[in-house]
PDB file of N, CA and C in Angstrom:
ATOM      1  N   UNK A   1       8.171  -8.468  85.940  1.00  0.00           N
ATOM      2  CA  UNK A   1       8.451  -7.688  84.756  1.00  0.00           C
ATOM      3  C   UNK A   1       9.279  -8.505  83.759  1.00  0.00           C
ATOM      4  N   UNK A   2      10.331  -9.167  84.281  1.00  0.00           N
ATOM      5  CA  UNK A   2      11.169  -9.975  83.397  1.00  0.00           C
ATOM      6  C   UNK A   2      10.365 -11.122  82.798  1.00  0.00           C
ATOM      7  N   UNK A   3       9.493 -11.680  83.597  1.00  0.00           N
ATOM      8  CA  UNK A   3       8.674 -12.788  83.112  1.00  0.00           C
ATOM      9  C   UNK A   3       7.747 -12.330  81.988  1.00  0.00           C
ATOM     10  N   UNK A   4       7.134 -11.169  82.160  1.00  0.00           N
ATOM     11  CA  UNK A   4       6.249 -10.617  81.127  1.00  0.00           C
ATOM     12  C   UNK A   4       7.022 -10.362  79.842  1.00  0.00           C
ATOM     13  N   UNK A   5       8.209  -9.817  79.976  1.00  0.00           N
ATOM     14  CA  UNK A   5       9.036  -9.553  78.799  1.00  0.00           C
ATOM     15  C   UNK A   5       9.418 -10.854  78.108  1.00  0.00           C
ATOM     16  N   UNK A   6       9.738 -11.873  78.886  1.00  0.00           N
ATOM     17  CA  UNK A   6      10.066 -13.176  78.319  1.00  0.00           C
ATOM     18  C   UNK A   6       8.873 -13.758  77.558  1.00  0.00           C
ATOM     19  N   UNK A   7       7.704 -13.685  78.155  1.00  0.00           N
ATOM     20  CA  UNK A   7       6.494 -14.222  77.517  1.00  0.00           C
ATOM     21  C   UNK A   7       6.204 -13.479  76.224  1.00  0.00           C
ATOM     22  N   UNK A   8       6.278 -12.155  76.256  1.00  0.00           N
ATOM     23  CA  UNK A   8       6.021 -11.367  75.048  1.00  0.00           C
ATOM     24  C   UNK A   8       7.039 -11.660  73.946  1.00  0.00           C
ATOM     25  N   UNK A   9       8.293 -11.785  74.325  1.00  0.00           N
ATOM     26  CA  UNK A   9       9.315 -12.061  73.304  1.00  0.00           C
ATOM     27  C   UNK A   9       9.144 -13.472  72.744  1.00  0.00           C
ATOM     28  N   UNK A  10       8.722 -14.414  73.563  1.00  0.00           N
ATOM     29  CA  UNK A  10       8.477 -15.776  73.085  1.00  0.00           C
ATOM     30  C   UNK A  10       7.304 -15.800  72.113  1.00  0.00           C
ATOM     31  N   UNK A  11       6.237 -15.114  72.449  1.00  0.00           N
ATOM     32  CA  UNK A  11       5.078 -15.049  71.566  1.00  0.00           C
ATOM     33  C   UNK A  11       5.472 -14.406  70.246  1.00  0.00           C
ATOM     34  N   UNK A  12       6.207 -13.313  70.300  1.00  0.00           N
ATOM     35  CA  UNK A  12       6.647 -12.634  69.083  1.00  0.00           C
ATOM     36  C   UNK A  12       7.501 -13.565  68.229  1.00  0.00           C
ATOM     37  N   UNK A  13       8.419 -14.289  68.860  1.00  0.00           N
ATOM     38  CA  UNK A  13       9.296 -15.203  68.125  1.00  0.00           C
ATOM     39  C   UNK A  13       8.480 -16.266  67.388  1.00  0.00           C
ATOM     40  N   UNK A  14       7.561 -16.902  68.086  1.00  0.00           N
ATOM     41  CA  UNK A  14       6.788 -17.969  67.451  1.00  0.00           C
ATOM     42  C   UNK A  14       5.842 -17.438  66.378  1.00  0.00           C
ATOM     43  N   UNK A  15       5.317 -16.248  66.575  1.00  0.00           N
ATOM     44  CA  UNK A  15       4.446 -15.677  65.547  1.00  0.00           C
ATOM     45  C   UNK A  15       5.210 -15.327  64.283  1.00  0.00           C
ATOM     46  N   UNK A  16       6.433 -14.876  64.414  1.00  0.00           N
ATOM     47  CA  UNK A  16       7.211 -14.497  63.234  1.00  0.00           C
ATOM     48  C   UNK A  16       7.993 -15.668  62.664  1.00  0.00           C
ATOM     49  N   UNK A  17       8.416 -16.591  63.494  1.00  0.00           N
ATOM     50  CA  UNK A  17       9.220 -17.721  63.020  1.00  0.00           C
ATOM     51  C   UNK A  17       8.417 -18.638  62.114  1.00  0.00           C
ATOM     52  N   UNK A  18       7.133 -18.746  62.356  1.00  0.00           N
ATOM     53  CA  UNK A  18       6.314 -19.661  61.585  1.00  0.00           C
ATOM     54  C   UNK A  18       5.380 -18.952  60.608  1.00  0.00           C
ATOM     55  N   UNK A  19       5.622 -17.671  60.407  1.00  0.00           N
ATOM     56  CA  UNK A  19       4.816 -16.937  59.428  1.00  0.00           C
ATOM     57  C   UNK A  19       5.113 -17.490  58.044  1.00  0.00           C
ATOM     58  N   UNK A  20       4.093 -17.524  57.217  1.00  0.00           N
ATOM     59  CA  UNK A  20       4.283 -18.081  55.890  1.00  0.00           C
ATOM     60  C   UNK A  20       5.093 -17.131  55.018  1.00  0.00           C
ATOM     61  N   UNK A  21       5.801 -17.719  54.085  1.00  0.00           N
ATOM     62  CA  UNK A  21       6.596 -16.939  53.157  1.00  0.00           C
ATOM     63  C   UNK A  21       5.662 -16.165  52.233  1.00  0.00           C
ATOM     64  N   UNK A  22       6.126 -15.029  51.741  1.00  0.00           N
ATOM     65  CA  UNK A  22       5.271 -14.277  50.818  1.00  0.00           C
ATOM     66  C   UNK A  22       4.991 -15.066  49.546  1.00  0.00           C
ATOM     67  N   UNK A  23       3.865 -14.785  48.954  1.00  0.00           N
ATOM     68  CA  UNK A  23       3.477 -15.481  47.726  1.00  0.00           C
ATOM     69  C   UNK A  23       4.285 -14.952  46.548  1.00  0.00           C
ATOM     70  N   UNK A  24       4.517 -15.801  45.541  1.00  0.00           N
ATOM     71  CA  UNK A  24       5.150 -15.317  44.314  1.00  0.00           C
ATOM     72  C   UNK A  24       4.279 -14.212  43.694  1.00  0.00           C
ATOM     73  N   UNK A  25       4.913 -13.305  42.971  1.00  0.00           N
ATOM     74  CA  UNK A  25       4.196 -12.153  42.415  1.00  0.00           C
ATOM     75  C   UNK A  25       3.027 -12.568  41.524  1.00  0.00           C
ATOM     76  N   UNK A  26       3.215 -13.591  40.692  1.00  0.00           N
ATOM     77  CA  UNK A  26       2.117 -13.984  39.804  1.00  0.00           C
ATOM     78  C   UNK A  26       0.910 -14.510  40.587  1.00  0.00           C
ATOM     79  N   UNK A  27       1.153 -15.204  41.678  1.00  0.00           N
ATOM     80  CA  UNK A  27       0.056 -15.695  42.518  1.00  0.00           C
ATOM     81  C   UNK A  27      -0.596 -14.518  43.251  1.00  0.00           C
ATOM     82  N   UNK A  28       0.212 -13.616  43.754  1.00  0.00           N
ATOM     83  CA  UNK A  28      -0.305 -12.443  44.449  1.00  0.00           C
ATOM     84  C   UNK A  28      -1.161 -11.583  43.511  1.00  0.00           C
ATOM     85  N   UNK A  29      -0.692 -11.383  42.285  1.00  0.00           N
ATOM     86  CA  UNK A  29      -1.453 -10.612  41.306  1.00  0.00           C
ATOM     87  C   UNK A  29      -2.770 -11.314  40.964  1.00  0.00           C
ATOM     88  N   UNK A  30      -2.704 -12.631  40.782  1.00  0.00           N
ATOM     89  CA  UNK A  30      -3.911 -13.412  40.492  1.00  0.00           C
ATOM     90  C   UNK A  30      -4.912 -13.287  41.636  1.00  0.00           C
ATOM     91  N   UNK A  31      -4.422 -13.423  42.842  1.00  0.00           N
ATOM     92  CA  UNK A  31      -5.292 -13.360  44.019  1.00  0.00           C
ATOM     93  C   UNK A  31      -5.993 -12.000  44.107  1.00  0.00           C
ATOM     94  N   UNK A  32      -5.255 -10.934  43.834  1.00  0.00           N
ATOM     95  CA  UNK A  32      -5.847  -9.593  43.873  1.00  0.00           C
ATOM     96  C   UNK A  32      -6.953  -9.467  42.826  1.00  0.00           C
ATOM     97  N   UNK A  33      -6.698  -9.943  41.614  1.00  0.00           N
ATOM     98  CA  UNK A  33      -7.718  -9.901  40.558  1.00  0.00           C
ATOM     99  C   UNK A  33      -8.938 -10.738  40.933  1.00  0.00           C
ATOM    100  N   UNK A  34      -8.692 -11.926  41.447  1.00  0.00           N
ATOM    101  CA  UNK A  34      -9.787 -12.825  41.808  1.00  0.00           C
ATOM    102  C   UNK A  34     -10.648 -12.214  42.915  1.00  0.00           C
ATOM    103  N   UNK A  35     -10.024 -11.576  43.874  1.00  0.00           N
ATOM    104  CA  UNK A  35     -10.785 -10.949  44.950  1.00  0.00           C
ATOM    105  C   UNK A  35     -11.575  -9.751  44.446  1.00  0.00           C
ATOM    106  N   UNK A  36     -10.991  -8.986  43.516  1.00  0.00           N
ATOM    107  CA  UNK A  36     -11.731  -7.880  42.910  1.00  0.00           C
ATOM    108  C   UNK A  36     -12.918  -8.417  42.117  1.00  0.00           C
ATOM    109  N   UNK A  37     -12.708  -9.493  41.389  1.00  0.00           N
ATOM    110  CA  UNK A  37     -13.775 -10.121  40.622  1.00  0.00           C
ATOM    111  C   UNK A  37     -14.921 -10.522  41.556  1.00  0.00           C
ATOM    112  N   UNK A  38     -14.595 -11.188  42.644  1.00  0.00           N
ATOM    113  CA  UNK A  38     -15.624 -11.597  43.595  1.00  0.00           C
ATOM    114  C   UNK A  38     -16.352 -10.392  44.192  1.00  0.00           C
ATOM    115  N   UNK A  39     -15.607  -9.325  44.433  1.00  0.00           N
ATOM    116  CA  UNK A  39     -16.214  -8.117  44.980  1.00  0.00           C
ATOM    117  C   UNK A  39     -17.247  -7.545  44.007  1.00  0.00           C
ATOM    118  N   UNK A  40     -16.836  -7.393  42.751  1.00  0.00           N
ATOM    119  CA  UNK A  40     -17.759  -6.832  41.769  1.00  0.00           C
ATOM    120  C   UNK A  40     -18.953  -7.761  41.525  1.00  0.00           C
ATOM    121  N   UNK A  41     -18.712  -9.050  41.550  1.00  0.00           N
ATOM    122  CA  UNK A  41     -19.809 -10.003  41.373  1.00  0.00           C
ATOM    123  C   UNK A  41     -20.817  -9.887  42.517  1.00  0.00           C
ATOM    124  N   UNK A  42     -20.342  -9.598  43.711  1.00  0.00           N
ATOM    125  CA  UNK A  42     -21.243  -9.481  44.858  1.00  0.00           C
ATOM    126  C   UNK A  42     -22.095  -8.214  44.791  1.00  0.00           C
ATOM    127  N   UNK A  43     -21.688  -7.258  43.969  1.00  0.00           N
ATOM    128  CA  UNK A  43     -22.456  -6.017  43.826  1.00  0.00           C
ATOM    129  C   UNK A  43     -23.591  -6.138  42.813  1.00  0.00           C
ATOM    130  N   UNK A  44     -23.609  -7.231  42.061  1.00  0.00           N
ATOM    131  CA  UNK A  44     -24.659  -7.410  41.062  1.00  0.00           C
ATOM    132  C   UNK A  44     -26.031  -7.400  41.741  1.00  0.00           C
ATOM    133  N   UNK A  45     -26.943  -6.650  41.149  1.00  0.00           N
ATOM    134  CA  UNK A  45     -28.289  -6.541  41.704  1.00  0.00           C
ATOM    135  C   UNK A  45     -29.220  -6.107  40.583  1.00  0.00           C
ATOM    136  N   UNK A  46     -30.353  -6.740  40.486  1.00  0.00           N
ATOM    137  CA  UNK A  46     -31.300  -6.407  39.420  1.00  0.00           C
ATOM    138  C   UNK A  46     -31.913  -5.020  39.596  1.00  0.00           C
ATOM    139  N   UNK A  47     -31.758  -4.421  40.766  1.00  0.00           N
ATOM    140  CA  UNK A  47     -32.322  -3.095  41.018  1.00  0.00           C
ATOM    141  C   UNK A  47     -31.371  -1.954  40.656  1.00  0.00           C
ATOM    142  N   UNK A  48     -30.184  -2.275  40.163  1.00  0.00           N
ATOM    143  CA  UNK A  48     -29.223  -1.229  39.814  1.00  0.00           C
ATOM    144  C   UNK A  48     -29.668  -0.478  38.572  1.00  0.00           C
ATOM    145  N   UNK A  49     -29.316   0.806  38.526  1.00  0.00           N
ATOM    146  CA  UNK A  49     -29.646   1.562  37.323  1.00  0.00           C
ATOM    147  C   UNK A  49     -28.733   1.117  36.180  1.00  0.00           C
ATOM    148  N   UNK A  50     -29.109   1.464  34.977  1.00  0.00           N
ATOM    149  CA  UNK A  50     -28.414   0.968  33.781  1.00  0.00           C
ATOM    150  C   UNK A  50     -26.949   1.393  33.751  1.00  0.00           C
ATOM    151  N   UNK A  51     -26.655   2.617  34.161  1.00  0.00           N
ATOM    152  CA  UNK A  51     -25.275   3.116  34.148  1.00  0.00           C
ATOM    153  C   UNK A  51     -24.397   2.309  35.111  1.00  0.00           C
ATOM    154  N   UNK A  52     -24.886   2.098  36.317  1.00  0.00           N
ATOM    155  CA  UNK A  52     -24.103   1.335  37.312  1.00  0.00           C
ATOM    156  C   UNK A  52     -23.930  -0.102  36.842  1.00  0.00           C
ATOM    157  N   UNK A  53     -24.930  -0.676  36.217  1.00  0.00           N
ATOM    158  CA  UNK A  53     -24.825  -2.054  35.707  1.00  0.00           C
ATOM    159  C   UNK A  53     -23.743  -2.139  34.633  1.00  0.00           C
ATOM    160  N   UNK A  54     -23.672  -1.125  33.766  1.00  0.00           N
ATOM    161  CA  UNK A  54     -22.633  -1.099  32.732  1.00  0.00           C
ATOM    162  C   UNK A  54     -21.246  -0.992  33.350  1.00  0.00           C
ATOM    163  N   UNK A  55     -21.128  -0.171  34.387  1.00  0.00           N
ATOM    164  CA  UNK A  55     -19.843  -0.036  35.086  1.00  0.00           C
ATOM    165  C   UNK A  55     -19.425  -1.365  35.709  1.00  0.00           C
ATOM    166  N   UNK A  56     -20.372  -2.026  36.356  1.00  0.00           N
ATOM    167  CA  UNK A  56     -20.086  -3.321  36.975  1.00  0.00           C
ATOM    168  C   UNK A  56     -19.708  -4.368  35.929  1.00  0.00           C
ATOM    169  N   UNK A  57     -20.433  -4.380  34.830  1.00  0.00           N
ATOM    170  CA  UNK A  57     -20.127  -5.333  33.763  1.00  0.00           C
ATOM    171  C   UNK A  57     -18.702  -5.133  33.237  1.00  0.00           C
ATOM    172  N   UNK A  58     -18.306  -3.867  33.061  1.00  0.00           N
ATOM    173  CA  UNK A  58     -16.954  -3.576  32.587  1.00  0.00           C
ATOM    174  C   UNK A  58     -15.906  -4.011  33.616  1.00  0.00           C
ATOM    175  N   UNK A  59     -16.188  -3.757  34.883  1.00  0.00           N
ATOM    176  CA  UNK A  59     -15.257  -4.167  35.943  1.00  0.00           C
ATOM    177  C   UNK A  59     -15.161  -5.680  36.041  1.00  0.00           C
ATOM    178  N   UNK A  60     -16.295  -6.350  35.903  1.00  0.00           N
ATOM    179  CA  UNK A  60     -16.295  -7.816  35.933  1.00  0.00           C
ATOM    180  C   UNK A  60     -15.505  -8.385  34.760  1.00  0.00           C
ATOM    181  N   UNK A  61     -15.707  -7.826  33.594  1.00  0.00           N
ATOM    182  CA  UNK A  61     -14.997  -8.314  32.411  1.00  0.00           C
ATOM    183  C   UNK A  61     -13.498  -8.114  32.568  1.00  0.00           C
ATOM    184  N   UNK A  62     -13.112  -6.957  33.102  1.00  0.00           N
ATOM    185  CA  UNK A  62     -11.689  -6.657  33.264  1.00  0.00           C
ATOM    186  C   UNK A  62     -11.027  -7.556  34.302  1.00  0.00           C
ATOM    187  N   UNK A  63     -11.650  -7.691  35.454  1.00  0.00           N
ATOM    188  CA  UNK A  63     -11.009  -8.455  36.524  1.00  0.00           C
ATOM    189  C   UNK A  63     -11.211  -9.963  36.363  1.00  0.00           C
ATOM    190  N   UNK A  64     -12.436 -10.385  36.143  1.00  0.00           N
ATOM    191  CA  UNK A  64     -12.710 -11.822  36.029  1.00  0.00           C
ATOM    192  C   UNK A  64     -12.069 -12.407  34.781  1.00  0.00           C
ATOM    193  N   UNK A  65     -12.110 -11.660  33.704  1.00  0.00           N
ATOM    194  CA  UNK A  65     -11.502 -12.143  32.465  1.00  0.00           C
ATOM    195  C   UNK A  65     -10.013 -12.401  32.623  1.00  0.00           C
ATOM    196  N   UNK A  66      -9.321 -11.467  33.273  1.00  0.00           N
ATOM    197  CA  UNK A  66      -7.878 -11.636  33.492  1.00  0.00           C
ATOM    198  C   UNK A  66      -7.607 -12.793  34.462  1.00  0.00           C
ATOM    199  N   UNK A  67      -8.408 -12.876  35.514  1.00  0.00           N
ATOM    200  CA  UNK A  67      -8.211 -13.944  36.501  1.00  0.00           C
ATOM    201  C   UNK A  67      -8.438 -15.314  35.864  1.00  0.00           C
ATOM    202  N   UNK A  68      -9.478 -15.432  35.060  1.00  0.00           N
ATOM    203  CA  UNK A  68      -9.769 -16.707  34.387  1.00  0.00           C
ATOM    204  C   UNK A  68      -8.633 -17.078  33.443  1.00  0.00           C
ATOM    205  N   UNK A  69      -8.109 -16.087  32.730  1.00  0.00           N
ATOM    206  CA  UNK A  69      -7.011 -16.352  31.794  1.00  0.00           C
ATOM    207  C   UNK A  69      -5.752 -16.817  32.517  1.00  0.00           C
ATOM    208  N   UNK A  70      -5.544 -16.372  33.735  1.00  0.00           N
ATOM    209  CA  UNK A  70      -4.351 -16.750  34.505  1.00  0.00           C
ATOM    210  C   UNK A  70      -4.504 -18.090  35.210  1.00  0.00           C
ATOM    211  N   UNK A  71      -5.725 -18.531  35.415  1.00  0.00           N
ATOM    212  CA  UNK A  71      -5.987 -19.715  36.231  1.00  0.00           C
ATOM    213  C   UNK A  71      -5.292 -20.975  35.712  1.00  0.00           C
ATOM    214  N   UNK A  72      -5.491 -21.319  34.456  1.00  0.00           N
ATOM    215  CA  UNK A  72      -4.916 -22.556  33.916  1.00  0.00           C
ATOM    216  C   UNK A  72      -3.383 -22.535  33.903  1.00  0.00           C
ATOM    217  N   UNK A  73      -2.755 -21.454  33.427  1.00  0.00           N
ATOM    218  CA  UNK A  73      -1.283 -21.427  33.462  1.00  0.00           C
ATOM    219  C   UNK A  73      -0.708 -21.514  34.878  1.00  0.00           C
ATOM    220  N   UNK A  74      -1.368 -20.875  35.834  1.00  0.00           N
ATOM    221  CA  UNK A  74      -0.883 -20.943  37.218  1.00  0.00           C
ATOM    222  C   UNK A  74      -1.031 -22.353  37.781  1.00  0.00           C
ATOM    223  N   UNK A  75      -2.142 -22.998  37.481  1.00  0.00           N
ATOM    224  CA  UNK A  75      -2.325 -24.384  37.940  1.00  0.00           C
ATOM    225  C   UNK A  75      -1.253 -25.300  37.355  1.00  0.00           C
ATOM    226  N   UNK A  76      -0.919 -25.086  36.113  1.00  0.00           N
ATOM    227  CA  UNK A  76       0.121 -25.911  35.481  1.00  0.00           C
ATOM    228  C   UNK A  76       1.492 -25.606  36.093  1.00  0.00           C
ATOM    229  N   UNK A  77       1.794 -24.337  36.268  1.00  0.00           N
ATOM    230  CA  UNK A  77       3.105 -23.920  36.782  1.00  0.00           C
ATOM    231  C   UNK A  77       3.343 -24.430  38.209  1.00  0.00           C
ATOM    232  N   UNK A  78       2.307 -24.386  39.038  1.00  0.00           N
ATOM    233  CA  UNK A  78       2.476 -24.719  40.456  1.00  0.00           C
ATOM    234  C   UNK A  78       1.817 -26.042  40.842  1.00  0.00           C
ATOM    235  N   UNK A  79       1.616 -26.925  39.888  1.00  0.00           N
ATOM    236  CA  UNK A  79       0.898 -28.172  40.163  1.00  0.00           C
ATOM    237  C   UNK A  79       1.574 -29.042  41.223  1.00  0.00           C
ATOM    238  N   UNK A  80       2.860 -28.874  41.432  1.00  0.00           N
ATOM    239  CA  UNK A  80       3.577 -29.683  42.420  1.00  0.00           C
ATOM    240  C   UNK A  80       3.777 -28.970  43.760  1.00  0.00           C
ATOM    241  N   UNK A  81       3.194 -27.794  43.901  1.00  0.00           N
ATOM    242  CA  UNK A  81       3.321 -27.030  45.141  1.00  0.00           C
ATOM    243  C   UNK A  81       1.949 -26.983  45.825  1.00  0.00           C
ATOM    244  N   UNK A  82       1.780 -27.842  46.802  1.00  0.00           N
ATOM    245  CA  UNK A  82       0.477 -28.005  47.460  1.00  0.00           C
ATOM    246  C   UNK A  82      -0.016 -26.706  48.095  1.00  0.00           C
ATOM    247  N   UNK A  83       0.876 -25.964  48.733  1.00  0.00           N
ATOM    248  CA  UNK A  83       0.491 -24.718  49.401  1.00  0.00           C
ATOM    249  C   UNK A  83      -0.048 -23.704  48.391  1.00  0.00           C
ATOM    250  N   UNK A  84       0.664 -23.525  47.299  1.00  0.00           N
ATOM    251  CA  UNK A  84       0.232 -22.555  46.296  1.00  0.00           C
ATOM    252  C   UNK A  84      -1.009 -23.029  45.554  1.00  0.00           C
ATOM    253  N   UNK A  85      -1.151 -24.327  45.375  1.00  0.00           N
ATOM    254  CA  UNK A  85      -2.354 -24.841  44.718  1.00  0.00           C
ATOM    255  C   UNK A  85      -3.597 -24.575  45.570  1.00  0.00           C
ATOM    256  N   UNK A  86      -3.451 -24.572  46.882  1.00  0.00           N
ATOM    257  CA  UNK A  86      -4.578 -24.231  47.765  1.00  0.00           C
ATOM    258  C   UNK A  86      -5.012 -22.789  47.533  1.00  0.00           C
ATOM    259  N   UNK A  87      -4.038 -21.912  47.365  1.00  0.00           N
ATOM    260  CA  UNK A  87      -4.351 -20.505  47.108  1.00  0.00           C
ATOM    261  C   UNK A  87      -5.048 -20.363  45.768  1.00  0.00           C
ATOM    262  N   UNK A  88      -4.497 -21.005  44.743  1.00  0.00           N
ATOM    263  CA  UNK A  88      -5.053 -20.920  43.386  1.00  0.00           C
ATOM    264  C   UNK A  88      -6.457 -21.524  43.351  1.00  0.00           C
ATOM    265  N   UNK A  89      -6.613 -22.688  43.937  1.00  0.00           N
ATOM    266  CA  UNK A  89      -7.898 -23.401  43.866  1.00  0.00           C
ATOM    267  C   UNK A  89      -8.989 -22.807  44.763  1.00  0.00           C
ATOM    268  N   UNK A  90      -8.605 -21.846  45.578  1.00  0.00           N
ATOM    269  CA  UNK A  90      -9.613 -21.156  46.399  1.00  0.00           C
ATOM    270  C   UNK A  90     -10.530 -20.322  45.511  1.00  0.00           C
ATOM    271  N   UNK A  91     -10.067 -20.065  44.285  1.00  0.00           N
ATOM    272  CA  UNK A  91     -10.841 -19.278  43.327  1.00  0.00           C
ATOM    273  C   UNK A  91     -11.126 -20.156  42.115  1.00  0.00           C
ATOM    274  N   UNK A  92     -12.381 -20.413  41.866  1.00  0.00           N
ATOM    275  CA  UNK A  92     -12.744 -21.238  40.717  1.00  0.00           C
ATOM    276  C   UNK A  92     -13.856 -20.516  39.977  1.00  0.00           C
ATOM    277  N   UNK A  93     -13.561 -20.141  38.750  1.00  0.00           N
ATOM    278  CA  UNK A  93     -14.505 -19.340  37.967  1.00  0.00           C
ATOM    279  C   UNK A  93     -15.217 -20.194  36.958  1.00  0.00           C
TER     280      UNK A  93
END
């Protein structure tokens, strides 16, 4: 029993001790927009009715447009932070 508790506490310690720090708010906001953009882009289909296509177009413009506008300033701001640049560069529009 003591051994099991020791193993579990060791696993918990290493999982939390090396967890990555939270992302800065601007990166987190960008990431959320970029993921929404990718989601809406994946819904594009030539078989959609006109109303749904208009809704998707509006969602794409709102999310992708904002994400694209944030991309260059974020790259400049975090150009010396390799970890954050990996997050930013994971999305290229």
